[in-house]
Amino acid sequence: MTTESLEPAPAESEIRVAVLVPVRDSCVSLFAQSLALAYAYLAKHHSNVDACLYSNNGSVIAEQRLGLARMALQDGADWTVWFDSDMRFPKDTIERLLAHQKPIVAANYPTRRMPAIEPTAFVDDETQDRVYTLKESTGLQPVAAVGFGVMAVHRSVFEAMELPWFDTPWDKEAMKYDCGEDVYFCRKARAAGFEVLIDHDLSKEVAHVGQMEFDSIIASGLRHKVKDLKPRLVNNQVNAIVTAA
């Protein structure tokens, strides 16, 4: 792979970005809000970016991602930017992902499985050792694999790999699926010579939106934190201000 394809383009050059969103049946309102603000931000600050939105519905996520990626490349996209429909992210996310000019950059967001909430980035995807984005974490960090919830992938990555780009292979000996489609992609990309990176700074501003049950155990476990949160609460909610693009 040559570095020329990743050099920052002149201001007047058009950059074609495919925003890819696989959806099962519906998306959460915080995601819709994030996506709308991201598009408005691009229109206001980056007139040279031609961002087209692609989405499909289904229940086989590997097949959905494969279909979206193929459409994006066929339409001449320079970059693919992936968002899952249950993510919340800042309005300048696309700008920040592409500004790194790296073939693969993602946010390290947590899973939605309670009570064991873990990051989706792996130091080693074979041993399942995870990468945590801590308060002091900053900059880019190479990882073995990461989820596709918020990620930018340059077209050269797909062009360097044979199909399928996404799969959930079955481990006959273990009698279980070996990995998810996102880990499969990352393994294949690394085998093709690409580095998988996470942006710790962006990761701190990204959230994985889901449903959960609230019981007495959770309430008692959080009681010491409520006192610290009180000054920020309005009508018992964190006072979040949504700004325009």
C-alpha atoms as a PDB file:
ATOM      1  CA  MET A   1       0.000   0.000   0.000  1.00  0.00           C
ATOM      2  CA  THR A   2       1.368   3.435  -0.866  1.00  0.00           C
ATOM      3  CA  THR A   3       1.158   6.423   1.439  1.00  0.00           C
ATOM      4  CA  GLU A   4       0.042   8.667  -1.399  1.00  0.00           C
ATOM      5  CA  SER A   5      -3.551   7.436  -1.122  1.00  0.00           C
ATOM      6  CA  LEU A   6      -3.693   8.660   2.455  1.00  0.00           C
ATOM      7  CA  GLU A   7      -2.083  12.050   2.006  1.00  0.00           C
ATOM      8  CA  PRO A   8      -4.345  14.976   2.981  1.00  0.00           C
ATOM      9  CA  ALA A   9      -6.126  16.191  -0.126  1.00  0.00           C
ATOM     10  CA  PRO A  10      -5.988  19.846  -1.198  1.00  0.00           C
ATOM     11  CA  ALA A  11      -8.888  21.926   0.066  1.00  0.00           C
ATOM     12  CA  GLU A  12     -10.472  22.106  -3.383  1.00  0.00           C
ATOM     13  CA  SER A  13     -10.354  18.330  -3.985  1.00  0.00           C
ATOM     14  CA  GLU A  14     -13.536  16.396  -3.395  1.00  0.00           C
ATOM     15  CA  ILE A  15     -13.474  13.521  -0.930  1.00  0.00           C
ATOM     16  CA  ARG A  16     -16.145  10.872  -1.387  1.00  0.00           C
ATOM     17  CA  VAL A  17     -17.296   9.372   1.890  1.00  0.00           C
ATOM     18  CA  ALA A  18     -19.798   6.553   2.232  1.00  0.00           C
ATOM     19  CA  VAL A  19     -21.565   6.579   5.603  1.00  0.00           C
ATOM     20  CA  LEU A  20     -22.655   2.988   6.176  1.00  0.00           C
ATOM     21  CA  VAL A  21     -25.353   2.018   8.678  1.00  0.00           C
ATOM     22  CA  PRO A  22     -26.542  -1.590   8.999  1.00  0.00           C
ATOM     23  CA  VAL A  23     -29.889  -1.707  10.819  1.00  0.00           C
ATOM     24  CA  ARG A  24     -31.791  -4.667  12.212  1.00  0.00           C
ATOM     25  CA  ASP A  25     -35.280  -3.100  12.282  1.00  0.00           C
ATOM     26  CA  SER A  26     -35.051   0.403  13.798  1.00  0.00           C
ATOM     27  CA  CYS A  27     -32.550   2.887  15.182  1.00  0.00           C
ATOM     28  CA  VAL A  28     -32.481   4.740  18.492  1.00  0.00           C
ATOM     29  CA  SER A  29     -33.304   8.438  18.653  1.00  0.00           C
ATOM     30  CA  LEU A  30     -29.864   9.412  20.021  1.00  0.00           C
ATOM     31  CA  PHE A  31     -28.271   7.798  16.978  1.00  0.00           C
ATOM     32  CA  ALA A  32     -30.579   9.689  14.601  1.00  0.00           C
ATOM     33  CA  GLN A  33     -29.729  12.918  16.377  1.00  0.00           C
ATOM     34  CA  SER A  34     -25.985  12.195  16.210  1.00  0.00           C
ATOM     35  CA  LEU A  35     -26.126  11.370  12.508  1.00  0.00           C
ATOM     36  CA  ALA A  36     -28.147  14.477  11.657  1.00  0.00           C
ATOM     37  CA  LEU A  37     -25.687  16.725  13.501  1.00  0.00           C
ATOM     38  CA  ALA A  38     -22.729  14.980  11.864  1.00  0.00           C
ATOM     39  CA  TYR A  39     -24.139  15.639   8.387  1.00  0.00           C
ATOM     40  CA  ALA A  40     -24.956  19.255   9.227  1.00  0.00           C
ATOM     41  CA  TYR A  41     -21.435  19.728  10.594  1.00  0.00           C
ATOM     42  CA  LEU A  42     -19.870  18.343   7.413  1.00  0.00           C
ATOM     43  CA  ALA A  43     -22.043  20.566   5.214  1.00  0.00           C
ATOM     44  CA  LYS A  44     -21.072  23.660   7.196  1.00  0.00           C
ATOM     45  CA  HIS A  45     -17.346  23.019   7.619  1.00  0.00           C
ATOM     46  CA  HIS A  46     -16.312  20.713   4.755  1.00  0.00           C
ATOM     47  CA  SER A  47     -17.966  21.608   1.477  1.00  0.00           C
ATOM     48  CA  ASN A  48     -15.456  19.423  -0.395  1.00  0.00           C
ATOM     49  CA  VAL A  49     -16.742  16.257   1.307  1.00  0.00           C
ATOM     50  CA  ASP A  50     -19.403  14.375  -0.640  1.00  0.00           C
ATOM     51  CA  ALA A  51     -20.988  12.166   2.018  1.00  0.00           C
ATOM     52  CA  CYS A  52     -23.572   9.623   0.856  1.00  0.00           C
ATOM     53  CA  LEU A  53     -25.640   7.581   3.293  1.00  0.00           C
ATOM     54  CA  TYR A  54     -26.147   3.851   2.741  1.00  0.00           C
ATOM     55  CA  SER A  55     -28.286   1.674   4.981  1.00  0.00           C
ATOM     56  CA  ASN A  56     -29.828  -1.764   4.835  1.00  0.00           C
ATOM     57  CA  ASN A  57     -32.067  -3.873   7.041  1.00  0.00           C
ATOM     58  CA  GLY A  58     -31.503  -7.461   8.039  1.00  0.00           C
ATOM     59  CA  SER A  59     -30.564  -9.931  10.733  1.00  0.00           C
ATOM     60  CA  VAL A  60     -27.306 -11.349   9.301  1.00  0.00           C
ATOM     61  CA  ILE A  61     -24.842  -8.587  10.150  1.00  0.00           C
ATOM     62  CA  ALA A  62     -21.913 -10.020   8.160  1.00  0.00           C
ATOM     63  CA  GLU A  63     -24.061 -10.089   5.037  1.00  0.00           C
ATOM     64  CA  GLN A  64     -25.284  -6.538   5.691  1.00  0.00           C
ATOM     65  CA  ARG A  65     -21.780  -5.157   6.130  1.00  0.00           C
ATOM     66  CA  LEU A  66     -20.552  -6.930   3.023  1.00  0.00           C
ATOM     67  CA  GLY A  67     -23.403  -5.525   0.936  1.00  0.00           C
ATOM     68  CA  LEU A  68     -22.869  -1.973   2.207  1.00  0.00           C
ATOM     69  CA  ALA A  69     -19.114  -2.077   1.595  1.00  0.00           C
ATOM     70  CA  ARG A  70     -19.564  -3.367  -1.956  1.00  0.00           C
ATOM     71  CA  MET A  71     -22.092  -0.630  -2.771  1.00  0.00           C
ATOM     72  CA  ALA A  72     -19.787   2.046  -1.379  1.00  0.00           C
ATOM     73  CA  LEU A  73     -16.806   0.892  -3.427  1.00  0.00           C
ATOM     74  CA  GLN A  74     -18.883   0.504  -6.579  1.00  0.00           C
ATOM     75  CA  ASP A  75     -20.033   4.111  -6.180  1.00  0.00           C
ATOM     76  CA  GLY A  76     -16.436   5.319  -5.936  1.00  0.00           C
ATOM     77  CA  ALA A  77     -16.150   6.106  -2.226  1.00  0.00           C
ATOM     78  CA  ASP A  78     -12.669   7.020  -1.008  1.00  0.00           C
ATOM     79  CA  TRP A  79     -13.609   6.298   2.585  1.00  0.00           C
ATOM     80  CA  THR A  80     -16.222   4.220   4.342  1.00  0.00           C
ATOM     81  CA  VAL A  81     -17.399   5.496   7.723  1.00  0.00           C
ATOM     82  CA  TRP A  82     -19.371   2.955   9.724  1.00  0.00           C
ATOM     83  CA  PHE A  83     -21.965   3.664  12.388  1.00  0.00           C
ATOM     84  CA  ASP A  84     -24.133   1.132  14.165  1.00  0.00           C
ATOM     85  CA  SER A  85     -27.685   2.351  14.723  1.00  0.00           C
ATOM     86  CA  ASP A  86     -27.365   2.157  18.526  1.00  0.00           C
ATOM     87  CA  MET A  87     -24.416   4.540  18.864  1.00  0.00           C
ATOM     88  CA  ARG A  88     -24.192   8.120  20.131  1.00  0.00           C
ATOM     89  CA  PHE A  89     -21.232  10.158  18.885  1.00  0.00           C
ATOM     90  CA  PRO A  90     -20.095  13.816  18.604  1.00  0.00           C
ATOM     91  CA  LYS A  91     -20.971  15.858  15.535  1.00  0.00           C
ATOM     92  CA  ASP A  92     -17.327  16.106  14.365  1.00  0.00           C
ATOM     93  CA  THR A  93     -16.746  12.344  14.475  1.00  0.00           C
ATOM     94  CA  ILE A  94     -16.323  11.896  10.703  1.00  0.00           C
ATOM     95  CA  GLU A  95     -13.903  14.822  10.544  1.00  0.00           C
ATOM     96  CA  ARG A  96     -11.825  13.435  13.417  1.00  0.00           C
ATOM     97  CA  LEU A  97     -11.684   9.894  12.062  1.00  0.00           C
ATOM     98  CA  LEU A  98     -10.547  10.992   8.604  1.00  0.00           C
ATOM     99  CA  ALA A  99      -8.114  13.595   9.957  1.00  0.00           C
ATOM    100  CA  HIS A 100      -5.827  10.824  11.167  1.00  0.00           C
ATOM    101  CA  GLN A 101      -5.293   9.740   7.544  1.00  0.00           C
ATOM    102  CA  LYS A 102      -4.899   6.127   8.677  1.00  0.00           C
ATOM    103  CA  PRO A 103      -6.482   3.194   6.821  1.00  0.00           C
ATOM    104  CA  ILE A 104      -8.455   1.921   9.834  1.00  0.00           C
ATOM    105  CA  VAL A 105      -9.426   4.042  12.845  1.00  0.00           C
ATOM    106  CA  ALA A 106     -12.248   3.321  15.274  1.00  0.00           C
ATOM    107  CA  ALA A 107     -13.745   4.344  18.583  1.00  0.00           C
ATOM    108  CA  ASN A 108     -13.366   1.939  21.499  1.00  0.00           C
ATOM    109  CA  TYR A 109     -16.913   1.776  22.839  1.00  0.00           C
ATOM    110  CA  PRO A 110     -18.246  -0.616  25.521  1.00  0.00           C
ATOM    111  CA  THR A 111     -20.496  -3.610  25.077  1.00  0.00           C
ATOM    112  CA  ARG A 112     -24.104  -3.501  26.327  1.00  0.00           C
ATOM    113  CA  ARG A 113     -23.986  -6.707  28.352  1.00  0.00           C
ATOM    114  CA  MET A 114     -24.671  -6.161  32.045  1.00  0.00           C
ATOM    115  CA  PRO A 115     -23.093  -6.530  34.493  1.00  0.00           C
ATOM    116  CA  ALA A 116     -19.848  -7.321  32.639  1.00  0.00           C
ATOM    117  CA  ILE A 117     -19.539  -4.169  30.535  1.00  0.00           C
ATOM    118  CA  GLU A 118     -16.282  -4.459  28.580  1.00  0.00           C
ATOM    119  CA  PRO A 119     -14.652  -2.477  25.758  1.00  0.00           C
ATOM    120  CA  THR A 120     -14.940  -3.815  22.222  1.00  0.00           C
ATOM    121  CA  ALA A 121     -11.219  -3.387  21.479  1.00  0.00           C
ATOM    122  CA  PHE A 122      -8.865  -6.324  21.985  1.00  0.00           C
ATOM    123  CA  VAL A 123      -5.157  -6.431  22.751  1.00  0.00           C
ATOM    124  CA  ASP A 124      -5.355 -10.072  21.680  1.00  0.00           C
ATOM    125  CA  ASP A 125      -8.558 -11.337  20.115  1.00  0.00           C
ATOM    126  CA  GLU A 126      -7.479 -14.960  20.620  1.00  0.00           C
ATOM    127  CA  THR A 127      -7.161 -14.635  24.422  1.00  0.00           C
ATOM    128  CA  GLN A 128      -9.973 -12.052  24.629  1.00  0.00           C
ATOM    129  CA  ASP A 129      -7.697  -9.564  26.460  1.00  0.00           C
ATOM    130  CA  ARG A 130      -9.341  -6.152  26.179  1.00  0.00           C
ATOM    131  CA  VAL A 131      -8.083  -2.595  25.693  1.00  0.00           C
ATOM    132  CA  TYR A 132      -9.617  -0.105  28.130  1.00  0.00           C
ATOM    133  CA  THR A 133      -9.935   3.585  27.362  1.00  0.00           C
ATOM    134  CA  LEU A 134      -9.089   5.198  30.696  1.00  0.00           C
ATOM    135  CA  LYS A 135      -9.277   8.803  31.854  1.00  0.00           C
ATOM    136  CA  GLU A 136      -5.595   9.266  31.061  1.00  0.00           C
ATOM    137  CA  SER A 137      -5.735   7.429  27.708  1.00  0.00           C
ATOM    138  CA  THR A 138      -5.097   9.644  24.702  1.00  0.00           C
ATOM    139  CA  GLY A 139      -4.118   9.498  21.046  1.00  0.00           C
ATOM    140  CA  LEU A 140      -4.107   6.462  18.782  1.00  0.00           C
ATOM    141  CA  GLN A 141      -3.348   2.912  19.900  1.00  0.00           C
ATOM    142  CA  PRO A 142      -2.851  -0.197  17.753  1.00  0.00           C
ATOM    143  CA  VAL A 143      -5.167  -3.090  18.650  1.00  0.00           C
ATOM    144  CA  ALA A 144      -5.807  -6.602  17.404  1.00  0.00           C
ATOM    145  CA  ALA A 145      -9.500  -5.977  16.750  1.00  0.00           C
ATOM    146  CA  VAL A 146     -12.339  -3.596  17.584  1.00  0.00           C
ATOM    147  CA  GLY A 147     -16.069  -3.280  16.996  1.00  0.00           C
ATOM    148  CA  PHE A 148     -17.481  -1.582  13.898  1.00  0.00           C
ATOM    149  CA  GLY A 149     -19.867   0.731  15.790  1.00  0.00           C
ATOM    150  CA  VAL A 150     -17.832   3.863  14.945  1.00  0.00           C
ATOM    151  CA  MET A 151     -15.077   3.263  12.414  1.00  0.00           C
ATOM    152  CA  ALA A 152     -13.441   4.695   9.288  1.00  0.00           C
ATOM    153  CA  VAL A 153     -11.931   2.360   6.690  1.00  0.00           C
ATOM    154  CA  HIS A 154     -10.127   3.509   3.547  1.00  0.00           C
ATOM    155  CA  ARG A 155     -11.151   1.786   0.302  1.00  0.00           C
ATOM    156  CA  SER A 156      -7.592   0.479  -0.148  1.00  0.00           C
ATOM    157  CA  VAL A 157      -8.162  -1.911   2.762  1.00  0.00           C
ATOM    158  CA  PHE A 158     -11.036  -3.654   0.995  1.00  0.00           C
ATOM    159  CA  GLU A 159      -9.177  -3.654  -2.311  1.00  0.00           C
ATOM    160  CA  ALA A 160      -6.238  -5.458  -0.692  1.00  0.00           C
ATOM    161  CA  MET A 161      -8.382  -8.298   0.700  1.00  0.00           C
ATOM    162  CA  GLU A 162     -10.227 -11.144  -0.958  1.00  0.00           C
ATOM    163  CA  LEU A 163     -13.904 -11.750  -0.275  1.00  0.00           C
ATOM    164  CA  PRO A 164     -15.539 -12.299   2.096  1.00  0.00           C
ATOM    165  CA  TRP A 165     -14.516  -9.213   4.062  1.00  0.00           C
ATOM    166  CA  PHE A 166     -16.935 -10.136   6.855  1.00  0.00           C
ATOM    167  CA  ASP A 167     -17.808 -13.550   8.237  1.00  0.00           C
ATOM    168  CA  THR A 168     -18.634 -15.447  11.434  1.00  0.00           C
ATOM    169  CA  PRO A 169     -16.620 -18.674  11.036  1.00  0.00           C
ATOM    170  CA  TRP A 170     -17.625 -21.825  12.896  1.00  0.00           C
ATOM    171  CA  ASP A 171     -15.068 -23.578  15.128  1.00  0.00           C
ATOM    172  CA  LYS A 172     -15.809 -27.284  14.739  1.00  0.00           C
ATOM    173  CA  GLU A 173     -13.587 -28.374  17.632  1.00  0.00           C
ATOM    174  CA  ALA A 174     -14.976 -25.848  20.113  1.00  0.00           C
ATOM    175  CA  MET A 175     -18.488 -26.234  18.722  1.00  0.00           C
ATOM    176  CA  LYS A 176     -19.077 -22.481  18.662  1.00  0.00           C
ATOM    177  CA  TYR A 177     -18.606 -19.425  16.463  1.00  0.00           C
ATOM    178  CA  ASP A 178     -14.942 -18.469  16.461  1.00  0.00           C
ATOM    179  CA  CYS A 179     -15.491 -14.700  16.264  1.00  0.00           C
ATOM    180  CA  GLY A 180     -17.834 -11.970  15.169  1.00  0.00           C
ATOM    181  CA  GLU A 181     -17.782 -10.341  11.751  1.00  0.00           C
ATOM    182  CA  ASP A 182     -15.903  -7.312  13.092  1.00  0.00           C
ATOM    183  CA  VAL A 183     -13.055  -9.358  14.586  1.00  0.00           C
ATOM    184  CA  TYR A 184     -12.940 -11.419  11.378  1.00  0.00           C
ATOM    185  CA  PHE A 185     -12.486  -8.232   9.342  1.00  0.00           C
ATOM    186  CA  CYS A 186      -9.738  -6.933  11.637  1.00  0.00           C
ATOM    187  CA  ARG A 187      -7.854 -10.234  11.508  1.00  0.00           C
ATOM    188  CA  LYS A 188      -8.011 -10.235   7.727  1.00  0.00           C
ATOM    189  CA  ALA A 189      -6.934  -6.573   7.496  1.00  0.00           C
ATOM    190  CA  ARG A 190      -3.944  -7.178   9.773  1.00  0.00           C
ATOM    191  CA  ALA A 191      -2.971 -10.226   7.715  1.00  0.00           C
ATOM    192  CA  ALA A 192      -3.001  -7.933   4.654  1.00  0.00           C
ATOM    193  CA  GLY A 193      -0.555  -5.582   6.377  1.00  0.00           C
ATOM    194  CA  PHE A 194      -2.897  -2.929   7.789  1.00  0.00           C
ATOM    195  CA  GLU A 195      -2.806  -1.560  11.318  1.00  0.00           C
ATOM    196  CA  VAL A 196      -6.053  -1.388  13.292  1.00  0.00           C
ATOM    197  CA  LEU A 197      -6.133   1.739  15.455  1.00  0.00           C
ATOM    198  CA  ILE A 198      -8.434   3.132  18.124  1.00  0.00           C
ATOM    199  CA  ASP A 199      -8.782   6.833  18.951  1.00  0.00           C
ATOM    200  CA  HIS A 200      -8.881   7.103  22.741  1.00  0.00           C
ATOM    201  CA  ASP A 201      -9.934  10.775  22.744  1.00  0.00           C
ATOM    202  CA  LEU A 202     -12.919  10.156  20.483  1.00  0.00           C
ATOM    203  CA  SER A 203     -13.766   6.988  22.412  1.00  0.00           C
ATOM    204  CA  LYS A 204     -14.418   9.034  25.550  1.00  0.00           C
ATOM    205  CA  GLU A 205     -17.208  10.902  23.726  1.00  0.00           C
ATOM    206  CA  VAL A 206     -18.930   7.864  22.211  1.00  0.00           C
ATOM    207  CA  ALA A 207     -21.671   5.832  23.886  1.00  0.00           C
ATOM    208  CA  HIS A 208     -23.345   2.511  23.126  1.00  0.00           C
ATOM    209  CA  VAL A 209     -27.081   3.036  23.695  1.00  0.00           C
ATOM    210  CA  GLY A 210     -29.154   0.164  25.067  1.00  0.00           C
ATOM    211  CA  GLN A 211     -31.859  -0.974  27.444  1.00  0.00           C
ATOM    212  CA  MET A 212     -31.311  -2.237  30.958  1.00  0.00           C
ATOM    213  CA  GLU A 213     -33.222  -3.170  34.081  1.00  0.00           C
ATOM    214  CA  PHE A 214     -32.881  -0.947  37.119  1.00  0.00           C
ATOM    215  CA  ASP A 215     -33.050  -2.825  40.429  1.00  0.00           C
ATOM    216  CA  SER A 216     -32.100  -2.339  44.071  1.00  0.00           C
ATOM    217  CA  ILE A 217     -28.630  -3.819  43.554  1.00  0.00           C
ATOM    218  CA  ILE A 218     -27.790  -1.203  40.925  1.00  0.00           C
ATOM    219  CA  ALA A 219     -29.279   1.561  43.080  1.00  0.00           C
ATOM    220  CA  SER A 220     -27.222   0.567  46.134  1.00  0.00           C
ATOM    221  CA  GLY A 221     -24.077   0.243  44.051  1.00  0.00           C
ATOM    222  CA  LEU A 222     -24.475   3.772  42.661  1.00  0.00           C
ATOM    223  CA  ARG A 223     -25.584   5.552  45.820  1.00  0.00           C
ATOM    224  CA  HIS A 224     -22.120   6.973  46.547  1.00  0.00           C
ATOM    225  CA  LYS A 225     -21.885   8.413  43.026  1.00  0.00           C
ATOM    226  CA  VAL A 226     -25.292  10.086  43.144  1.00  0.00           C
ATOM    227  CA  LYS A 227     -24.046  12.704  45.606  1.00  0.00           C
ATOM    228  CA  ASP A 228     -21.310  13.737  43.162  1.00  0.00           C
ATOM    229  CA  LEU A 229     -23.796  13.850  40.289  1.00  0.00           C
ATOM    230  CA  LYS A 230     -26.424  15.944  42.075  1.00  0.00           C
ATOM    231  CA  PRO A 231     -24.986  19.354  41.020  1.00  0.00           C
ATOM    232  CA  ARG A 232     -25.270  18.263  37.370  1.00  0.00           C
ATOM    233  CA  LEU A 233     -28.799  16.921  37.603  1.00  0.00           C
ATOM    234  CA  VAL A 234     -31.898  18.686  36.296  1.00  0.00           C
ATOM    235  CA  ASN A 235     -35.171  16.887  37.040  1.00  0.00           C
ATOM    236  CA  ASN A 236     -33.041  13.902  38.120  1.00  0.00           C
ATOM    237  CA  GLN A 237     -31.278  13.748  34.742  1.00  0.00           C
ATOM    238  CA  VAL A 238     -27.800  14.735  33.662  1.00  0.00           C
ATOM    239  CA  ASN A 239     -28.075  18.163  32.088  1.00  0.00           C
ATOM    240  CA  ALA A 240     -26.920  17.477  28.513  1.00  0.00           C
ATOM    241  CA  ILE A 241     -26.967  20.367  26.067  1.00  0.00           C
ATOM    242  CA  VAL A 242     -27.264  19.503  22.373  1.00  0.00           C
ATOM    243  CA  THR A 243     -25.605  22.108  20.180  1.00  0.00           C
ATOM    244  CA  ALA A 244     -26.229  22.738  16.518  1.00  0.00           C
ATOM    245  CA  ALA A 245     -23.632  22.060  13.881  1.00  0.00           C
END
